[in-house]
């Protein structure tokens, strides 16, 4: 089990990777295979960040009503 600080650190790391990837994506030609690959990597990074953010947020409400 990861600590809260470890999860926050990983989110920050992935966010920096995302910024770098966006910069590379903007420089790539839209019709190139590099662009497609970078787009796929960006989607994967966004999914990873979303999952970690989901883990960080306490559930609201009740599962059983």
PDB file of N, CA and C in Angstrom:
ATOM      1  N   UNK A   1       0.835  -1.175   0.000  1.00  0.00           N
ATOM      2  CA  UNK A   1       0.000   0.000   0.000  1.00  0.00           C
ATOM      3  C   UNK A   1       0.883   1.243   0.000  1.00  0.00           C
ATOM      4  N   UNK A   2       0.587   2.161  -0.858  1.00  0.00           N
ATOM      5  CA  UNK A   2       1.346   3.407  -0.973  1.00  0.00           C
ATOM      6  C   UNK A   2       0.811   4.449  -0.003  1.00  0.00           C
ATOM      7  N   UNK A   3       1.725   5.301   0.468  1.00  0.00           N
ATOM      8  CA  UNK A   3       1.298   6.392   1.347  1.00  0.00           C
ATOM      9  C   UNK A   3       0.740   7.529   0.500  1.00  0.00           C
ATOM     10  N   UNK A   4       0.064   8.436   1.153  1.00  0.00           N
ATOM     11  CA  UNK A   4      -0.523   9.587   0.464  1.00  0.00           C
ATOM     12  C   UNK A   4       0.571  10.417  -0.220  1.00  0.00           C
ATOM     13  N   UNK A   5       1.690  10.605   0.456  1.00  0.00           N
ATOM     14  CA  UNK A   5       2.781  11.383  -0.125  1.00  0.00           C
ATOM     15  C   UNK A   5       3.372  10.698  -1.361  1.00  0.00           C
ATOM     16  N   UNK A   6       3.466   9.382  -1.341  1.00  0.00           N
ATOM     17  CA  UNK A   6       3.969   8.651  -2.499  1.00  0.00           C
ATOM     18  C   UNK A   6       3.025   8.807  -3.698  1.00  0.00           C
ATOM     19  N   UNK A   7       1.739   8.763  -3.428  1.00  0.00           N
ATOM     20  CA  UNK A   7       0.752   8.908  -4.500  1.00  0.00           C
ATOM     21  C   UNK A   7       0.806  10.328  -5.067  1.00  0.00           C
ATOM     22  N   UNK A   8       0.889  11.333  -4.186  1.00  0.00           N
ATOM     23  CA  UNK A   8       0.987  12.718  -4.650  1.00  0.00           C
ATOM     24  C   UNK A   8       2.255  12.928  -5.473  1.00  0.00           C
ATOM     25  N   UNK A   9       3.341  12.334  -5.034  1.00  0.00           N
ATOM     26  CA  UNK A   9       4.604  12.438  -5.759  1.00  0.00           C
ATOM     27  C   UNK A   9       4.477  11.825  -7.150  1.00  0.00           C
ATOM     28  N   UNK A  10       3.825  10.689  -7.241  1.00  0.00           N
ATOM     29  CA  UNK A  10       3.631  10.024  -8.530  1.00  0.00           C
ATOM     30  C   UNK A  10       2.729  10.862  -9.436  1.00  0.00           C
ATOM     31  N   UNK A  11       1.698  11.470  -8.873  1.00  0.00           N
ATOM     32  CA  UNK A  11       0.827  12.349  -9.658  1.00  0.00           C
ATOM     33  C   UNK A  11       1.635  13.512 -10.218  1.00  0.00           C
ATOM     34  N   UNK A  12       2.489  14.103  -9.394  1.00  0.00           N
ATOM     35  CA  UNK A  12       3.325  15.216  -9.852  1.00  0.00           C
ATOM     36  C   UNK A  12       4.279  14.767 -10.958  1.00  0.00           C
ATOM     37  N   UNK A  13       4.871  13.606 -10.789  1.00  0.00           N
ATOM     38  CA  UNK A  13       5.778  13.055 -11.798  1.00  0.00           C
ATOM     39  C   UNK A  13       5.055  12.848 -13.125  1.00  0.00           C
ATOM     40  N   UNK A  14       3.871  12.261 -13.062  1.00  0.00           N
ATOM     41  CA  UNK A  14       3.104  12.007 -14.281  1.00  0.00           C
ATOM     42  C   UNK A  14       2.628  13.306 -14.923  1.00  0.00           C
ATOM     43  N   UNK A  15       2.322  14.302 -14.115  1.00  0.00           N
ATOM     44  CA  UNK A  15       1.900  15.596 -14.636  1.00  0.00           C
ATOM     45  C   UNK A  15       3.040  16.264 -15.399  1.00  0.00           C
ATOM     46  N   UNK A  16       4.252  16.159 -14.884  1.00  0.00           N
ATOM     47  CA  UNK A  16       5.419  16.697 -15.596  1.00  0.00           C
ATOM     48  C   UNK A  16       5.633  15.953 -16.911  1.00  0.00           C
ATOM     49  N   UNK A  17       5.467  14.640 -16.884  1.00  0.00           N
ATOM     50  CA  UNK A  17       5.593  13.849 -18.115  1.00  0.00           C
ATOM     51  C   UNK A  17       4.533  14.273 -19.127  1.00  0.00           C
ATOM     52  N   UNK A  18       3.335  14.545 -18.627  1.00  0.00           N
ATOM     53  CA  UNK A  18       2.239  14.962 -19.499  1.00  0.00           C
ATOM     54  C   UNK A  18       2.565  16.293 -20.173  1.00  0.00           C
ATOM     55  N   UNK A  19       3.106  17.244 -19.398  1.00  0.00           N
ATOM     56  CA  UNK A  19       3.458  18.549 -19.972  1.00  0.00           C
ATOM     57  C   UNK A  19       4.514  18.383 -21.061  1.00  0.00           C
ATOM     58  N   UNK A  20       5.500  17.548 -20.806  1.00  0.00           N
ATOM     59  CA  UNK A  20       6.546  17.300 -21.794  1.00  0.00           C
ATOM     60  C   UNK A  20       5.964  16.652 -23.044  1.00  0.00           C
ATOM     61  N   UNK A  21       5.071  15.712 -22.839  1.00  0.00           N
ATOM     62  CA  UNK A  21       4.435  15.009 -23.949  1.00  0.00           C
ATOM     63  C   UNK A  21       3.572  15.955 -24.782  1.00  0.00           C
ATOM     64  N   UNK A  22       2.858  16.858 -24.132  1.00  0.00           N
ATOM     65  CA  UNK A  22       2.026  17.829 -24.849  1.00  0.00           C
ATOM     66  C   UNK A  22       2.904  18.725 -25.719  1.00  0.00           C
ATOM     67  N   UNK A  23       4.047  19.139 -25.189  1.00  0.00           N
ATOM     68  CA  UNK A  23       4.984  19.962 -25.958  1.00  0.00           C
ATOM     69  C   UNK A  23       5.466  19.209 -27.195  1.00  0.00           C
ATOM     70  N   UNK A  24       5.833  17.946 -27.014  1.00  0.00           N
ATOM     71  CA  UNK A  24       6.275  17.126 -28.144  1.00  0.00           C
ATOM     72  C   UNK A  24       5.145  16.910 -29.141  1.00  0.00           C
ATOM     73  N   UNK A  25       3.931  16.753 -28.635  1.00  0.00           N
ATOM     74  CA  UNK A  25       2.771  16.522 -29.493  1.00  0.00           C
ATOM     75  C   UNK A  25       2.479  17.749 -30.358  1.00  0.00           C
ATOM     76  N   UNK A  26       2.632  18.932 -29.765  1.00  0.00           N
ATOM     77  CA  UNK A  26       2.391  20.168 -30.514  1.00  0.00           C
ATOM     78  C   UNK A  26       3.406  20.340 -31.639  1.00  0.00           C
ATOM     79  N   UNK A  27       4.616  19.817 -31.440  1.00  0.00           N
ATOM     80  CA  UNK A  27       5.668  19.941 -32.456  1.00  0.00           C
ATOM     81  C   UNK A  27       5.550  18.884 -33.562  1.00  0.00           C
ATOM     82  N   UNK A  28       4.818  17.815 -33.293  1.00  0.00           N
ATOM     83  CA  UNK A  28       4.703  16.725 -34.275  1.00  0.00           C
ATOM     84  C   UNK A  28       3.667  17.075 -35.350  1.00  0.00           C
ATOM     85  N   UNK A  29       3.911  16.575 -36.538  1.00  0.00           N
ATOM     86  CA  UNK A  29       2.946  16.762 -37.626  1.00  0.00           C
ATOM     87  C   UNK A  29       1.689  15.951 -37.325  1.00  0.00           C
ATOM     88  N   UNK A  30       0.514  16.561 -37.497  1.00  0.00           N
ATOM     89  CA  UNK A  30      -0.750  15.874 -37.161  1.00  0.00           C
ATOM     90  C   UNK A  30      -0.989  14.572 -37.919  1.00  0.00           C
ATOM     91  N   UNK A  31      -0.441  14.437 -39.114  1.00  0.00           N
ATOM     92  CA  UNK A  31      -0.707  13.240 -39.918  1.00  0.00           C
ATOM     93  C   UNK A  31       0.396  12.188 -39.808  1.00  0.00           C
ATOM     94  N   UNK A  32       1.283  12.335 -38.832  1.00  0.00           N
ATOM     95  CA  UNK A  32       2.403  11.399 -38.709  1.00  0.00           C
ATOM     96  C   UNK A  32       2.100  10.285 -37.711  1.00  0.00           C
ATOM     97  N   UNK A  33       2.847   9.209 -37.831  1.00  0.00           N
ATOM     98  CA  UNK A  33       2.688   8.104 -36.877  1.00  0.00           C
ATOM     99  C   UNK A  33       3.213   8.504 -35.503  1.00  0.00           C
ATOM    100  N   UNK A  34       4.180   9.432 -35.484  1.00  0.00           N
ATOM    101  CA  UNK A  34       4.694   9.932 -34.210  1.00  0.00           C
ATOM    102  C   UNK A  34       3.574  10.636 -33.446  1.00  0.00           C
ATOM    103  N   UNK A  35       2.790  11.417 -34.164  1.00  0.00           N
ATOM    104  CA  UNK A  35       1.662  12.126 -33.542  1.00  0.00           C
ATOM    105  C   UNK A  35       0.671  11.130 -32.945  1.00  0.00           C
ATOM    106  N   UNK A  36       0.370  10.085 -33.689  1.00  0.00           N
ATOM    107  CA  UNK A  36      -0.561   9.057 -33.203  1.00  0.00           C
ATOM    108  C   UNK A  36      -0.019   8.370 -31.952  1.00  0.00           C
ATOM    109  N   UNK A  37       1.256   8.064 -31.971  1.00  0.00           N
ATOM    110  CA  UNK A  37       1.888   7.411 -30.824  1.00  0.00           C
ATOM    111  C   UNK A  37       1.878   8.315 -29.591  1.00  0.00           C
ATOM    112  N   UNK A  38       2.206   9.586 -29.805  1.00  0.00           N
ATOM    113  CA  UNK A  38       2.208  10.537 -28.679  1.00  0.00           C
ATOM    114  C   UNK A  38       0.801  10.732 -28.121  1.00  0.00           C
ATOM    115  N   UNK A  39      -0.188  10.736 -28.998  1.00  0.00           N
ATOM    116  CA  UNK A  39      -1.575  10.869 -28.551  1.00  0.00           C
ATOM    117  C   UNK A  39      -1.978   9.674 -27.689  1.00  0.00           C
ATOM    118  N   UNK A  40      -1.585   8.489 -28.099  1.00  0.00           N
ATOM    119  CA  UNK A  40      -1.888   7.284 -27.319  1.00  0.00           C
ATOM    120  C   UNK A  40      -1.195   7.339 -25.955  1.00  0.00           C
ATOM    121  N   UNK A  41       0.053   7.787 -25.942  1.00  0.00           N
ATOM    122  CA  UNK A  41       0.784   7.912 -24.676  1.00  0.00           C
ATOM    123  C   UNK A  41       0.126   8.942 -23.767  1.00  0.00           C
ATOM    124  N   UNK A  42      -0.347  10.041 -24.367  1.00  0.00           N
ATOM    125  CA  UNK A  42      -1.011  11.084 -23.587  1.00  0.00           C
ATOM    126  C   UNK A  42      -2.290  10.552 -22.947  1.00  0.00           C
ATOM    127  N   UNK A  43      -3.063   9.799 -23.699  1.00  0.00           N
ATOM    128  CA  UNK A  43      -4.292   9.216 -23.154  1.00  0.00           C
ATOM    129  C   UNK A  43      -3.986   8.269 -21.997  1.00  0.00           C
ATOM    130  N   UNK A  44      -2.935   7.491 -22.156  1.00  0.00           N
ATOM    131  CA  UNK A  44      -2.535   6.556 -21.102  1.00  0.00           C
ATOM    132  C   UNK A  44      -2.109   7.309 -19.838  1.00  0.00           C
ATOM    133  N   UNK A  45      -1.323   8.363 -20.018  1.00  0.00           N
ATOM    134  CA  UNK A  45      -0.887   9.171 -18.878  1.00  0.00           C
ATOM    135  C   UNK A  45      -2.084   9.803 -18.170  1.00  0.00           C
ATOM    136  N   UNK A  46      -3.019  10.332 -18.946  1.00  0.00           N
ATOM    137  CA  UNK A  46      -4.212  10.950 -18.354  1.00  0.00           C
ATOM    138  C   UNK A  46      -5.019   9.924 -17.567  1.00  0.00           C
ATOM    139  N   UNK A  47      -5.111   8.712 -18.081  1.00  0.00           N
ATOM    140  CA  UNK A  47      -5.809   7.640 -17.363  1.00  0.00           C
ATOM    141  C   UNK A  47      -5.108   7.316 -16.042  1.00  0.00           C
ATOM    142  N   UNK A  48      -3.776   7.243 -16.082  1.00  0.00           N
ATOM    143  CA  UNK A  48      -3.013   6.936 -14.870  1.00  0.00           C
ATOM    144  C   UNK A  48      -3.195   8.036 -13.823  1.00  0.00           C
ATOM    145  N   UNK A  49      -3.150   9.289 -14.270  1.00  0.00           N
ATOM    146  CA  UNK A  49      -3.333  10.412 -13.347  1.00  0.00           C
ATOM    147  C   UNK A  49      -4.734  10.369 -12.752  1.00  0.00           C
ATOM    148  N   UNK A  50      -5.723  10.107 -13.583  1.00  0.00           N
ATOM    149  CA  UNK A  50      -7.117  10.036 -13.102  1.00  0.00           C
ATOM    150  C   UNK A  50      -7.292   8.947 -12.053  1.00  0.00           C
ATOM    151  N   UNK A  51      -6.691   7.797 -12.304  1.00  0.00           N
ATOM    152  CA  UNK A  51      -6.804   6.700 -11.340  1.00  0.00           C
ATOM    153  C   UNK A  51      -6.151   7.059 -10.009  1.00  0.00           C
ATOM    154  N   UNK A  52      -4.986   7.682 -10.059  1.00  0.00           N
ATOM    155  CA  UNK A  52      -4.316   8.079  -8.814  1.00  0.00           C
ATOM    156  C   UNK A  52      -5.110   9.152  -8.081  1.00  0.00           C
ATOM    157  N   UNK A  53      -5.692  10.096  -8.823  1.00  0.00           N
ATOM    158  CA  UNK A  53      -6.520  11.117  -8.191  1.00  0.00           C
ATOM    159  C   UNK A  53      -7.752  10.479  -7.560  1.00  0.00           C
ATOM    160  N   UNK A  54      -8.301   9.475  -8.229  1.00  0.00           N
ATOM    161  CA  UNK A  54      -9.466   8.776  -7.695  1.00  0.00           C
ATOM    162  C   UNK A  54      -9.104   8.095  -6.378  1.00  0.00           C
ATOM    163  N   UNK A  55      -7.918   7.500  -6.316  1.00  0.00           N
ATOM    164  CA  UNK A  55      -7.456   6.839  -5.093  1.00  0.00           C
ATOM    165  C   UNK A  55      -7.295   7.849  -3.963  1.00  0.00           C
ATOM    166  N   UNK A  56      -6.827   9.056  -4.309  1.00  0.00           N
ATOM    167  CA  UNK A  56      -6.575  10.083  -3.297  1.00  0.00           C
ATOM    168  C   UNK A  56      -7.859  10.641  -2.689  1.00  0.00           C
ATOM    169  N   UNK A  57      -8.923  10.709  -3.476  1.00  0.00           N
ATOM    170  CA  UNK A  57     -10.165  11.316  -3.004  1.00  0.00           C
ATOM    171  C   UNK A  57     -10.958  10.325  -2.172  1.00  0.00           C
ATOM    172  N   UNK A  58     -11.344  10.795  -0.988  1.00  0.00           N
ATOM    173  CA  UNK A  58     -12.183   9.965  -0.136  1.00  0.00           C
ATOM    174  C   UNK A  58     -13.548   9.793  -0.786  1.00  0.00           C
ATOM    175  N   UNK A  59     -14.132   8.607  -0.670  1.00  0.00           N
ATOM    176  CA  UNK A  59     -15.461   8.421  -1.241  1.00  0.00           C
ATOM    177  C   UNK A  59     -16.487   9.322  -0.551  1.00  0.00           C
ATOM    178  N   UNK A  60     -17.410   9.815  -1.320  1.00  0.00           N
ATOM    179  CA  UNK A  60     -18.477  10.632  -0.736  1.00  0.00           C
ATOM    180  C   UNK A  60     -19.773   9.832  -0.809  1.00  0.00           C
ATOM    181  N   UNK A  61     -20.584  10.014   0.176  1.00  0.00           N
ATOM    182  CA  UNK A  61     -21.849   9.297   0.196  1.00  0.00           C
ATOM    183  C   UNK A  61     -21.683   7.883   0.752  1.00  0.00           C
ATOM    184  N   UNK A  62     -22.712   7.119   0.552  1.00  0.00           N
ATOM    185  CA  UNK A  62     -22.717   5.755   1.066  1.00  0.00           C
ATOM    186  C   UNK A  62     -22.954   4.782  -0.067  1.00  0.00           C
ATOM    187  N   UNK A  63     -22.224   3.692  -0.031  1.00  0.00           N
ATOM    188  CA  UNK A  63     -22.392   2.669  -1.059  1.00  0.00           C
ATOM    189  C   UNK A  63     -23.760   2.009  -0.918  1.00  0.00           C
ATOM    190  N   UNK A  64     -24.111   1.679   0.319  1.00  0.00           N
ATOM    191  CA  UNK A  64     -25.424   1.066   0.586  1.00  0.00           C
ATOM    192  C   UNK A  64     -26.356   2.129   1.107  1.00  0.00           C
ATOM    193  N   UNK A  65     -27.476   2.275   0.414  1.00  0.00           N
ATOM    194  CA  UNK A  65     -28.414   3.314   0.835  1.00  0.00           C
ATOM    195  C   UNK A  65     -29.613   2.722   1.494  1.00  0.00           C
TER     196      UNK A  65
END
